[in-house]
Amino acid sequence: MTFDYPSPSFYFKVKIAGAMYSFKEVDGISVEMDIEEIAEGGENGFKHKVPARPKFSNLELKRGFVPKDSMLGKLCSSILINPSLNGFKRTQILVHLLDEKGAPAISWSFNDAWPISWSIGKFDAMENSYAIESIKFSYSYFNTL
């Protein structure tokens, strides 16, 4: 797979637990490395900086329509009824940035993801879906595919 830079950022797909969903924005694909300082033995004037564990930001999906009978729609319903997420299994989320032919130019896999917040957007009487303004997922780690 070749990746031409820059790639258009408006053409992407989101796949959650095997189902495709449409969102207008995806945010939070970032990692930051913590740094640990270790004092040099015998010499107090020197400290060595070494990498510690990475910190991942939350994945945020914004402005999407989700059918009520989909897995994500049922999850949103269950959160309203039972906010404890009992019985929810962590899932994989794939975000594909597509090229001009519709093929994935680059993809990210977010592993062990689970929702931590969501907000509802506008209501439309003609739609049988949830208007999700924003849904945030926490996850263990992500890979570039």
Foldseek 3Di string as FASTA:
>chain_A
DAADPPADQQAKWKAWQRDTWDFRDKDFQDKDWDWDWDADPPDRVDIDIDTDDIDGGKIKTFFTWAACPDPVNVQVVVCVVPVPCPPPFFIKMKMFRAHPVRHGSKMKIFARKDWDDWDFDDDDPVDNTTGTGMIIIDGDDMDID
